[in-house]
């Protein structure tokens, strides 16, 4: 018997693609990856360290890490929500440079 693979695959709705991953799991929150941890640590260190040079360095490192994280979410987020989150974070970073 011959099976048509396309007929066996259920078409996912936009809502399903927005909130669920390809396995059908509802995903809004995930464990932070390396770049998000770097951003968190750098942000906390920049708040704690009052030395101007160290604070500026931590802000720079944190900024690079959050930009990399947002680009990774845009291109490889598990669902549309995570990709939209990456776009929003990147837009906020860009907008903060001009304000």
Protein backbone atom coordinates (compact mmCIF):
# COMPACT_ATOMS: atom_id res chain seq x y z
CA UNK A 1 0.00 0.00 0.00
CA UNK A 2 1.32 3.48 -0.88
CA UNK A 3 0.86 6.31 1.58
CA UNK A 4 0.85 9.93 0.58
CA UNK A 5 2.95 11.69 3.22
CA UNK A 6 1.35 15.08 2.56
CA UNK A 7 -2.13 13.74 3.16
CA UNK A 8 -1.02 12.29 6.51
CA UNK A 9 0.42 15.57 7.80
CA UNK A 10 -2.12 17.82 9.47
CA UNK A 11 -2.06 21.43 8.33
CA UNK A 12 -1.27 23.70 11.26
CA UNK A 13 -3.25 26.90 11.72
CA UNK A 14 -1.60 30.26 12.28
CA UNK A 15 -2.64 30.17 15.93
CA UNK A 16 -1.08 26.73 16.31
CA UNK A 17 2.18 27.92 14.71
CA UNK A 18 2.14 31.07 16.85
CA UNK A 19 1.86 29.37 20.26
CA UNK A 20 3.07 25.78 19.74
CA UNK A 21 6.29 24.21 18.55
CA UNK A 22 6.38 21.62 15.76
CA UNK A 23 5.76 18.85 18.32
CA UNK A 24 2.55 20.52 19.50
CA UNK A 25 3.91 21.74 22.84
CA UNK A 26 2.74 25.16 24.06
CA UNK A 27 5.90 27.28 24.26
CA UNK A 28 6.12 30.82 25.62
CA UNK A 29 8.97 30.46 28.11
CA UNK A 30 12.17 28.47 27.65
CA UNK A 31 15.27 28.03 29.77
CA UNK A 32 17.70 30.83 28.94
CA UNK A 33 20.43 29.90 26.49
CA UNK A 34 24.09 30.98 26.79
CA UNK A 35 23.62 34.43 25.26
CA UNK A 36 20.67 35.26 27.47
CA UNK A 37 22.67 34.18 30.55
CA UNK A 38 25.57 36.39 29.43
CA UNK A 39 23.18 39.32 29.08
CA UNK A 40 21.66 38.68 32.53
CA UNK A 41 25.06 38.40 34.24
CA UNK A 42 26.46 41.44 32.39
CA UNK A 43 23.40 43.52 33.30
CA UNK A 44 23.64 42.60 36.98
CA UNK A 45 27.40 43.25 36.97
CA UNK A 46 26.92 46.65 35.33
CA UNK A 47 24.45 47.60 38.07
CA UNK A 48 26.72 46.36 40.87
CA UNK A 49 29.98 47.76 39.50
CA UNK A 50 30.14 51.50 39.86
CA UNK A 51 33.48 51.81 38.10
CA UNK A 52 32.84 53.64 34.84
CA UNK A 53 35.11 51.46 32.68
CA UNK A 54 33.80 48.15 34.05
CA UNK A 55 30.19 49.31 33.82
CA UNK A 56 30.63 50.40 30.18
CA UNK A 57 32.34 47.11 29.32
CA UNK A 58 29.52 45.08 30.90
CA UNK A 59 26.88 47.13 29.08
CA UNK A 60 28.75 46.51 25.81
CA UNK A 61 29.06 42.75 26.41
CA UNK A 62 25.43 42.52 27.49
CA UNK A 63 24.32 44.47 24.42
CA UNK A 64 26.19 42.19 22.05
CA UNK A 65 24.79 39.10 23.81
CA UNK A 66 21.16 40.30 23.66
CA UNK A 67 21.54 41.24 19.98
CA UNK A 68 22.85 37.75 19.20
CA UNK A 69 20.03 36.20 21.25
CA UNK A 70 17.36 38.22 19.43
CA UNK A 71 18.76 37.35 15.99
CA UNK A 72 18.85 33.68 16.98
CA UNK A 73 15.20 33.88 18.09
CA UNK A 74 14.19 35.58 14.83
CA UNK A 75 15.77 32.90 12.67
CA UNK A 76 15.36 29.77 14.78
CA UNK A 77 12.62 30.43 17.32
CA UNK A 78 10.43 27.39 18.02
CA UNK A 79 7.22 29.24 17.18
CA UNK A 80 6.02 32.56 15.79
CA UNK A 81 5.66 34.05 19.28
CA UNK A 82 9.35 33.47 20.05
CA UNK A 83 10.31 34.93 16.66
CA UNK A 84 8.13 37.98 17.28
CA UNK A 85 9.75 38.33 20.71
CA UNK A 86 13.17 38.39 19.01
CA UNK A 87 11.99 41.08 16.58
CA UNK A 88 10.57 43.21 19.41
CA UNK A 89 13.75 42.97 21.48
CA UNK A 90 15.91 43.85 18.48
CA UNK A 91 13.67 46.81 17.63
CA UNK A 92 13.85 48.05 21.23
CA UNK A 93 17.65 47.82 21.14
CA UNK A 94 17.80 49.75 17.86
CA UNK A 95 15.28 52.34 19.07
CA UNK A 96 17.18 52.84 22.33
CA UNK A 97 20.28 53.84 20.35
CA UNK A 98 18.39 56.71 18.71
CA UNK A 99 16.56 58.05 21.78
